[in-house]
Amino acid sequence: MIPNFIAEAWSELAIGLVFIALRLYFRYTQAGWRGLRMDDYLMVFAGILYVFETLAAHMIVAQWLGGANNSFTPEKRASLKPSDQEWKFAVLGSKAHIFGWFMYTGIIWTLKSCWTIYYSRMTDGISTMDVRIKLAWVLNGTTYMAALCMILFNCWPLHRQWQIYPDPGGNCYPGASKLNVTFITVINIVTDLFLMAIPIPIIYHARLSLKRKISLFLLFSGGHVVIVFSLLRCVVLVTVSPTTSSKAGPWSVRESFVAVLISNLPMVFPLFKGYFSTASSMMSSRQLHNTSYPLAEIKQTHTAASSKTHSARTNKKTRIMLHPPDIPNGTAWGSDEAIICIERIGGWGGRDWAVEEGEEG
């Protein structure tokens, strides 16, 4: 089991860091280094926390064999001495679990801040959304402080959280505290649900095709996947026997991995989509170029002319349908590319982005 988890944890970390790097690359190609925003820097910070969380989980599982102060029966606990290896592993493992809790909550709430900053830019100029953004900040701040207080003061004084004998009690098991796990899971899910609800009214009222609305709903509802992993983590940690090796480290790493991927998906998705479109266009051009029929040249010319005509019609239609009636012209809610890439029309390098409804066909 240990080799499997180590391979899993470091593989997930590598993939998560690649997603963060792709996000930064995409932002750089759109606006340069000076165009990076606060949520991009916070994402880098979340990546650093993710590295330390993975290191802590690795040490707990590989070096200290899953040891923590919850891993002993009363008889075993009474027979141990501070000089015993099991005692030392349990103390070190418990301290690493506390450290892991701080890294886990730091990652999750940093990602929530990234989402809040992103939504605040996208809803800038929409007065009805200002209250939601402010509430999101209040909710993020209060729940994060509540999580930190739970980690620190759930069992006080703090040294009891790595105490072996006498038994400090269930609330003092950092790797298996049911109160810790349940409380932090609940406030985590509540904030996720609130954040996912922010873009729903704008997408719903936008003058977009049903297909595009559904794609946007799916893109910005990825938090449901994180919620599922959070619930799985909670169920596993609450139902496991208190005397078995803690599963907190592995499940925290898994949830952090999913959260990092979901949080970067809106930035990475258009990058992949652009590569796919470019590759498809190149393949189509090669096939058309390699044909031996002269008619293909005529067809290509006709296709190009039709494309220009269609583009002109689309642009005309775009200018008419760029913004829903209840969304001011300062925002960029229009297409999946616009909602992901551009805060405001012409906001990055003077590039104009619009709703290309004609693509839906």
Protein backbone atom coordinates (compact mmCIF):
# COMPACT_ATOMS: atom_id res chain seq x y z
CA MET A 1 0.00 0.00 0.00
CA ILE A 2 2.80 2.43 0.86
CA PRO A 3 4.47 2.33 -2.59
CA ASN A 4 1.08 2.73 -4.27
CA PHE A 5 0.19 5.81 -2.26
CA ILE A 6 3.61 7.40 -2.75
CA ALA A 7 3.34 6.95 -6.52
CA GLU A 8 -0.22 8.28 -6.47
CA ALA A 9 0.57 11.33 -4.33
CA TRP A 10 3.60 12.47 -6.32
CA SER A 11 1.90 11.79 -9.66
CA GLU A 12 -1.06 13.90 -8.59
CA LEU A 13 1.26 16.66 -7.42
CA ALA A 14 3.06 16.67 -10.78
CA ILE A 15 -0.22 16.89 -12.70
CA GLY A 16 -1.51 19.65 -10.43
CA LEU A 17 1.66 21.72 -10.88
CA VAL A 18 1.47 21.22 -14.65
CA PHE A 19 -2.07 22.62 -14.61
CA ILE A 20 -0.89 25.65 -12.63
CA ALA A 21 1.98 26.16 -15.10
CA LEU A 22 -0.42 25.91 -18.05
CA ARG A 23 -2.67 28.49 -16.42
CA LEU A 24 0.23 30.92 -16.04
CA TYR A 25 1.37 30.23 -19.61
CA PHE A 26 -2.11 30.96 -20.95
CA ARG A 27 -2.34 34.19 -18.98
CA TYR A 28 1.12 35.19 -20.21
CA THR A 29 0.20 34.60 -23.86
CA GLN A 30 -2.88 36.79 -23.41
CA ALA A 31 -1.47 39.69 -21.41
CA GLY A 32 2.22 39.20 -20.65
CA TRP A 33 3.73 38.95 -17.20
CA ARG A 34 2.35 42.34 -16.22
CA GLY A 35 -1.11 41.04 -16.98
CA LEU A 36 -1.02 38.45 -14.21
CA ARG A 37 -3.65 39.11 -11.56
CA MET A 38 -3.86 38.46 -7.85
CA ASP A 39 -5.62 35.13 -8.32
CA ASP A 40 -2.72 33.93 -10.48
CA TYR A 41 -0.23 34.70 -7.71
CA LEU A 42 -2.50 33.07 -5.15
CA MET A 43 -2.63 29.98 -7.35
CA VAL A 44 1.18 29.78 -7.23
CA PHE A 45 0.96 30.09 -3.44
CA ALA A 46 -1.61 27.26 -3.40
CA GLY A 47 0.82 25.15 -5.44
CA ILE A 48 3.56 25.72 -2.85
CA LEU A 49 1.20 24.69 -0.05
CA TYR A 50 0.27 21.62 -2.10
CA VAL A 51 3.94 20.61 -2.29
CA PHE A 52 4.31 20.83 1.50
CA GLU A 53 1.07 18.94 2.05
CA THR A 54 2.31 16.12 -0.19
CA LEU A 55 5.63 16.06 1.66
CA ALA A 56 3.83 15.79 5.00
CA ALA A 57 1.63 12.95 3.74
CA HIS A 58 4.70 11.19 2.32
CA MET A 59 6.53 11.41 5.65
CA ILE A 60 3.52 10.17 7.61
CA VAL A 61 3.00 7.13 5.38
CA ALA A 62 6.53 6.25 4.26
CA GLN A 63 8.74 7.33 7.17
CA TRP A 64 6.50 7.04 10.22
CA LEU A 65 4.36 4.16 8.91
CA GLY A 66 1.08 5.97 9.45
CA GLY A 67 1.81 6.43 13.14
CA ALA A 68 -0.17 8.89 15.25
CA ASN A 69 -1.41 9.11 18.82
CA ASN A 70 -4.68 7.39 17.89
CA SER A 71 -3.03 4.15 16.77
CA PHE A 72 -2.87 2.31 20.11
CA THR A 73 -5.12 0.21 22.29
CA PRO A 74 -5.21 1.19 25.99
CA GLU A 75 -2.95 -1.75 26.87
CA LYS A 76 -0.42 -0.91 24.18
CA ARG A 77 -0.46 2.76 25.13
CA ALA A 78 0.31 1.95 28.78
CA SER A 79 3.21 -0.33 27.85
CA LEU A 80 5.02 2.13 25.57
CA LYS A 81 7.97 4.23 26.66
CA PRO A 82 9.18 7.54 25.17
CA SER A 83 12.33 5.78 24.00
CA ASP A 84 10.36 3.24 21.92
CA GLN A 85 10.31 3.71 18.15
CA GLU A 86 6.52 3.40 18.02
CA TRP A 87 6.21 6.23 20.52
CA LYS A 88 8.53 8.46 18.49
CA PHE A 89 6.75 7.65 15.23
CA ALA A 90 3.38 8.41 16.83
CA VAL A 91 4.58 11.78 18.13
CA LEU A 92 6.15 12.77 14.82
CA GLY A 93 3.15 11.50 12.87
CA SER A 94 0.73 13.48 15.04
CA LYS A 95 2.73 16.67 14.58
CA ALA A 96 2.83 16.05 10.83
CA HIS A 97 -0.96 15.60 10.83
CA ILE A 98 -1.37 19.01 12.48
CA PHE A 99 0.95 20.52 9.88
CA GLY A 100 -1.03 18.74 7.16
CA TRP A 101 -4.28 20.22 8.48
CA PHE A 102 -2.85 23.72 8.13
CA MET A 103 -1.62 22.98 4.60
CA TYR A 104 -4.94 21.41 3.59
CA THR A 105 -7.07 24.31 4.83
CA GLY A 106 -4.57 26.78 3.36
CA ILE A 107 -4.88 25.19 -0.08
CA ILE A 108 -8.66 24.89 -0.08
CA TRP A 109 -9.33 28.42 1.15
CA THR A 110 -6.67 29.94 -1.10
CA LEU A 111 -8.45 28.36 -4.06
CA LYS A 112 -11.74 29.80 -2.79
CA SER A 113 -10.09 33.22 -2.78
CA CYS A 114 -8.95 32.67 -6.37
CA TRP A 115 -12.52 31.93 -7.42
CA THR A 116 -13.83 34.98 -5.55
CA ILE A 117 -11.29 37.32 -7.18
CA TYR A 118 -12.08 35.84 -10.58
CA TYR A 119 -15.82 36.32 -10.12
CA SER A 120 -15.32 39.86 -8.82
CA ARG A 121 -13.58 40.78 -12.09
CA MET A 122 -16.15 39.05 -14.24
CA THR A 123 -19.06 40.75 -12.45
CA ASP A 124 -17.43 44.17 -12.24
CA GLY A 125 -20.04 46.75 -13.16
CA ILE A 126 -23.03 44.58 -12.25
CA SER A 127 -24.43 46.25 -9.15
CA THR A 128 -26.65 43.32 -8.24
CA MET A 129 -23.59 41.06 -7.95
CA ASP A 130 -21.57 43.32 -5.62
CA VAL A 131 -23.42 42.06 -2.57
CA ARG A 132 -22.73 38.43 -3.49
CA ILE A 133 -19.02 39.10 -3.91
CA LYS A 134 -18.83 40.89 -0.56
CA LEU A 135 -20.71 38.06 1.11
CA ALA A 136 -18.30 35.59 -0.50
CA TRP A 137 -15.33 37.40 1.03
CA VAL A 138 -16.98 37.50 4.44
CA LEU A 139 -17.87 33.82 4.20
CA ASN A 140 -14.37 32.85 3.08
CA GLY A 141 -12.71 34.82 5.86
CA THR A 142 -14.95 33.71 8.70
CA THR A 143 -14.96 30.04 7.72
CA TYR A 144 -11.18 29.98 7.32
CA MET A 145 -10.67 31.50 10.76
CA ALA A 146 -13.18 29.01 12.15
CA ALA A 147 -11.22 26.14 10.58
CA LEU A 148 -7.94 27.39 12.08
CA CYS A 149 -9.54 27.77 15.50
CA MET A 150 -10.89 24.25 15.29
CA ILE A 151 -7.45 22.84 14.43
CA LEU A 152 -5.73 24.76 17.24
CA PHE A 153 -8.28 24.84 20.05
CA ASN A 154 -10.24 21.64 19.50
CA CYS A 155 -7.71 20.12 21.90
CA TRP A 156 -5.87 22.50 24.21
CA PRO A 157 -3.12 22.84 25.28
CA LEU A 158 -1.70 22.04 21.88
CA HIS A 159 0.86 19.46 23.07
CA ARG A 160 -1.99 17.11 23.97
CA GLN A 161 -2.49 16.58 20.24
CA TRP A 162 0.68 14.47 20.18
CA GLN A 163 0.34 13.08 23.70
CA ILE A 164 0.59 9.29 23.92
CA TYR A 165 0.00 8.46 27.57
CA PRO A 166 -2.35 8.96 29.20
CA ASP A 167 -4.86 8.81 26.35
CA PRO A 168 -5.71 12.45 25.50
CA GLY A 169 -9.15 11.56 24.07
CA GLY A 170 -10.70 11.43 20.62
CA ASN A 171 -10.73 15.19 20.02
CA CYS A 172 -6.95 15.23 20.53
CA TYR A 173 -6.25 12.81 17.67
CA PRO A 174 -5.19 15.13 14.80
CA GLY A 175 -5.28 12.25 12.36
CA ALA A 176 -8.68 10.92 13.44
CA SER A 177 -10.63 13.68 15.18
CA LYS A 178 -14.25 13.26 14.08
CA LEU A 179 -15.13 16.76 15.27
CA ASN A 180 -12.30 18.30 13.23
CA VAL A 181 -13.20 16.41 10.08
CA THR A 182 -16.96 16.96 10.28
CA PHE A 183 -16.80 20.67 11.13
CA ILE A 184 -14.25 21.58 8.44
CA THR A 185 -16.06 19.47 5.83
CA VAL A 186 -19.36 21.25 6.52
CA ILE A 187 -17.96 24.80 6.26
CA ASN A 188 -15.94 23.77 3.20
CA ILE A 189 -19.05 22.52 1.39
CA VAL A 190 -21.14 25.55 2.39
CA THR A 191 -18.60 27.99 0.94
CA ASP A 192 -18.21 25.90 -2.24
CA LEU A 193 -21.96 25.90 -2.84
CA PHE A 194 -22.17 29.65 -2.33
CA LEU A 195 -19.28 30.34 -4.72
CA MET A 196 -20.72 28.08 -7.42
CA ALA A 197 -24.03 29.96 -7.19
CA ILE A 198 -22.46 33.34 -8.06
CA PRO A 199 -22.28 32.98 -11.89
CA ILE A 200 -25.59 31.11 -12.28
CA PRO A 201 -27.91 34.13 -12.70
CA ILE A 202 -25.65 35.80 -15.27
CA ILE A 203 -25.27 32.66 -17.36
CA TYR A 204 -29.00 31.99 -17.11
CA HIS A 205 -29.98 35.47 -18.34
CA ALA A 206 -27.28 35.68 -21.02
CA ARG A 207 -28.40 35.64 -24.66
CA LEU A 208 -26.64 32.40 -25.46
CA SER A 209 -27.77 29.18 -27.00
CA LEU A 210 -28.87 26.41 -24.66
CA LYS A 211 -25.85 24.34 -25.64
CA ARG A 212 -23.43 27.08 -24.64
CA LYS A 213 -25.26 27.81 -21.41
CA ILE A 214 -25.05 24.15 -20.44
CA SER A 215 -21.33 24.06 -21.24
CA LEU A 216 -20.75 27.11 -19.04
CA PHE A 217 -22.83 25.68 -16.21
CA LEU A 218 -20.77 22.50 -16.34
CA LEU A 219 -17.49 24.40 -16.51
CA PHE A 220 -18.29 26.49 -13.45
CA SER A 221 -19.92 23.67 -11.48
CA GLY A 222 -16.77 21.61 -11.12
CA GLY A 223 -16.87 22.33 -7.42
CA HIS A 224 -19.42 19.53 -7.12
CA VAL A 225 -16.59 17.09 -7.84
CA VAL A 226 -14.56 18.63 -5.02
CA ILE A 227 -17.58 18.34 -2.73
CA VAL A 228 -17.87 14.63 -3.55
CA PHE A 229 -14.22 14.06 -2.61
CA SER A 230 -14.67 16.11 0.54
CA LEU A 231 -17.63 13.96 1.56
CA LEU A 232 -15.72 10.76 0.77
CA ARG A 233 -12.83 11.98 2.88
CA CYS A 234 -15.17 12.80 5.75
CA VAL A 235 -16.94 9.42 5.61
CA VAL A 236 -13.66 7.48 5.51
CA LEU A 237 -12.12 9.37 8.43
CA VAL A 238 -15.25 9.32 10.58
CA THR A 239 -16.04 5.63 10.09
CA VAL A 240 -12.49 4.27 10.42
CA SER A 241 -11.53 2.63 13.70
CA PRO A 242 -9.59 5.09 15.90
CA THR A 243 -6.85 2.54 16.55
CA THR A 244 -6.03 1.99 12.86
CA SER A 245 -3.54 4.03 10.87
CA SER A 246 -5.01 7.39 9.91
CA LYS A 247 -6.16 7.97 6.33
CA ALA A 248 -6.26 11.76 6.73
CA GLY A 249 -3.03 12.39 4.79
CA PRO A 250 -3.88 10.38 1.66
CA TRP A 251 -7.44 11.69 1.41
CA SER A 252 -6.39 15.29 2.01
CA VAL A 253 -3.90 15.01 -0.85
CA ARG A 254 -6.56 13.55 -3.15
CA GLU A 255 -9.04 16.31 -2.40
CA SER A 256 -6.38 18.99 -2.87
CA PHE A 257 -5.44 17.46 -6.22
CA VAL A 258 -9.02 17.58 -7.49
CA ALA A 259 -9.51 21.12 -6.16
CA VAL A 260 -6.37 22.39 -7.92
CA LEU A 261 -7.44 20.85 -11.24
CA ILE A 262 -11.00 22.18 -11.03
CA SER A 263 -9.82 25.67 -10.05
CA ASN A 264 -7.48 25.89 -13.05
CA LEU A 265 -9.83 24.29 -15.55
CA PRO A 266 -11.44 27.57 -16.75
CA MET A 267 -7.98 28.83 -17.74
CA VAL A 268 -6.57 25.58 -19.11
CA PHE A 269 -9.68 24.55 -21.06
CA PRO A 270 -9.43 27.27 -23.75
CA LEU A 271 -5.74 26.49 -24.14
CA PHE A 272 -6.48 22.84 -24.91
CA LYS A 273 -9.40 23.89 -27.09
CA GLY A 274 -7.14 26.22 -29.07
CA TYR A 275 -4.53 23.51 -29.60
CA PHE A 276 -7.20 21.06 -30.71
CA SER A 277 -8.71 23.57 -33.15
CA THR A 278 -5.29 24.42 -34.58
CA ALA A 279 -4.40 20.75 -35.02
CA SER A 280 -7.74 20.04 -36.69
CA SER A 281 -7.29 22.99 -39.07
CA MET A 282 -3.78 21.87 -40.00
CA MET A 283 -4.95 18.33 -40.72
CA SER A 284 -7.83 19.61 -42.85
CA SER A 285 -5.51 21.92 -44.78
CA ARG A 286 -3.05 19.12 -45.50
CA GLN A 287 -5.78 16.81 -46.73
CA LEU A 288 -7.14 19.55 -48.97
CA HIS A 289 -3.68 20.43 -50.27
CA ASN A 290 -2.79 16.81 -51.08
CA THR A 291 -5.90 16.16 -53.18
CA SER A 292 -5.23 15.58 -56.88
CA TYR A 293 -8.49 17.04 -58.16
CA PRO A 294 -8.41 20.58 -59.55
CA LEU A 295 -11.95 20.95 -58.30
CA ALA A 296 -10.56 21.10 -54.77
CA GLU A 297 -8.93 24.45 -55.48
CA ILE A 298 -12.23 25.84 -56.68
CA LYS A 299 -13.95 24.40 -53.62
CA GLN A 300 -11.32 25.88 -51.33
CA THR A 301 -11.74 29.32 -52.91
CA HIS A 302 -15.50 29.06 -52.60
CA THR A 303 -15.18 27.94 -48.98
CA ALA A 304 -12.93 30.87 -48.14
CA ALA A 305 -15.34 33.33 -49.73
CA SER A 306 -18.26 31.78 -47.90
CA SER A 307 -16.28 31.89 -44.67
CA LYS A 308 -15.65 35.62 -45.07
CA THR A 309 -19.31 36.26 -45.77
CA HIS A 310 -20.33 34.16 -42.78
CA SER A 311 -17.77 35.93 -40.59
CA ALA A 312 -19.13 39.32 -41.57
CA ARG A 313 -22.66 38.22 -40.78
CA THR A 314 -21.52 36.73 -37.49
CA ASN A 315 -19.70 39.91 -36.48
CA LYS A 316 -22.79 41.94 -37.25
CA LYS A 317 -24.89 39.58 -35.20
CA THR A 318 -22.31 39.65 -32.42
CA ARG A 319 -22.46 43.40 -32.04
CA ILE A 320 -26.19 43.17 -31.67
CA MET A 321 -26.22 40.32 -29.17
CA LEU A 322 -23.01 40.98 -27.28
CA HIS A 323 -24.61 41.68 -23.92
CA PRO A 324 -27.88 40.68 -22.32
CA PRO A 325 -30.19 43.56 -21.43
CA ASP A 326 -29.40 43.35 -17.72
CA ILE A 327 -25.62 43.16 -18.08
CA PRO A 328 -23.68 46.41 -18.64
CA ASN A 329 -21.19 46.74 -21.46
CA GLY A 330 -18.29 46.70 -19.03
CA THR A 331 -18.47 42.96 -18.55
CA ALA A 332 -17.32 40.11 -20.73
CA TRP A 333 -19.94 37.44 -20.17
CA GLY A 334 -20.57 36.11 -23.62
CA SER A 335 -18.86 32.98 -24.82
CA ASP A 336 -16.88 30.36 -23.01
CA GLU A 337 -13.70 31.98 -24.32
CA ALA A 338 -14.78 35.45 -23.22
CA ILE A 339 -15.98 34.35 -19.80
CA ILE A 340 -12.68 32.59 -19.20
CA CYS A 341 -10.12 34.80 -20.83
CA ILE A 342 -11.18 38.42 -20.83
CA GLU A 343 -12.29 40.49 -17.89
CA ARG A 344 -13.61 43.32 -19.99
CA ILE A 345 -14.02 43.99 -23.70
CA GLY A 346 -10.67 45.17 -24.97
CA GLY A 347 -9.24 44.59 -21.51
CA TRP A 348 -6.20 42.61 -22.62
CA GLY A 349 -4.06 44.20 -25.24
CA GLY A 350 -7.05 45.90 -26.83
CA ARG A 351 -8.44 42.61 -28.10
CA ASP A 352 -12.17 42.46 -28.61
CA TRP A 353 -14.01 39.32 -27.65
CA ALA A 354 -17.61 38.71 -28.51
CA VAL A 355 -20.40 36.21 -28.47
CA GLU A 356 -20.04 34.13 -31.58
CA GLU A 357 -23.50 32.69 -31.67
CA GLY A 358 -23.09 31.85 -35.33
CA GLU A 359 -20.72 29.06 -34.38
CA GLU A 360 -23.48 27.13 -32.79
CA GLY A 361 -25.03 26.44 -36.16
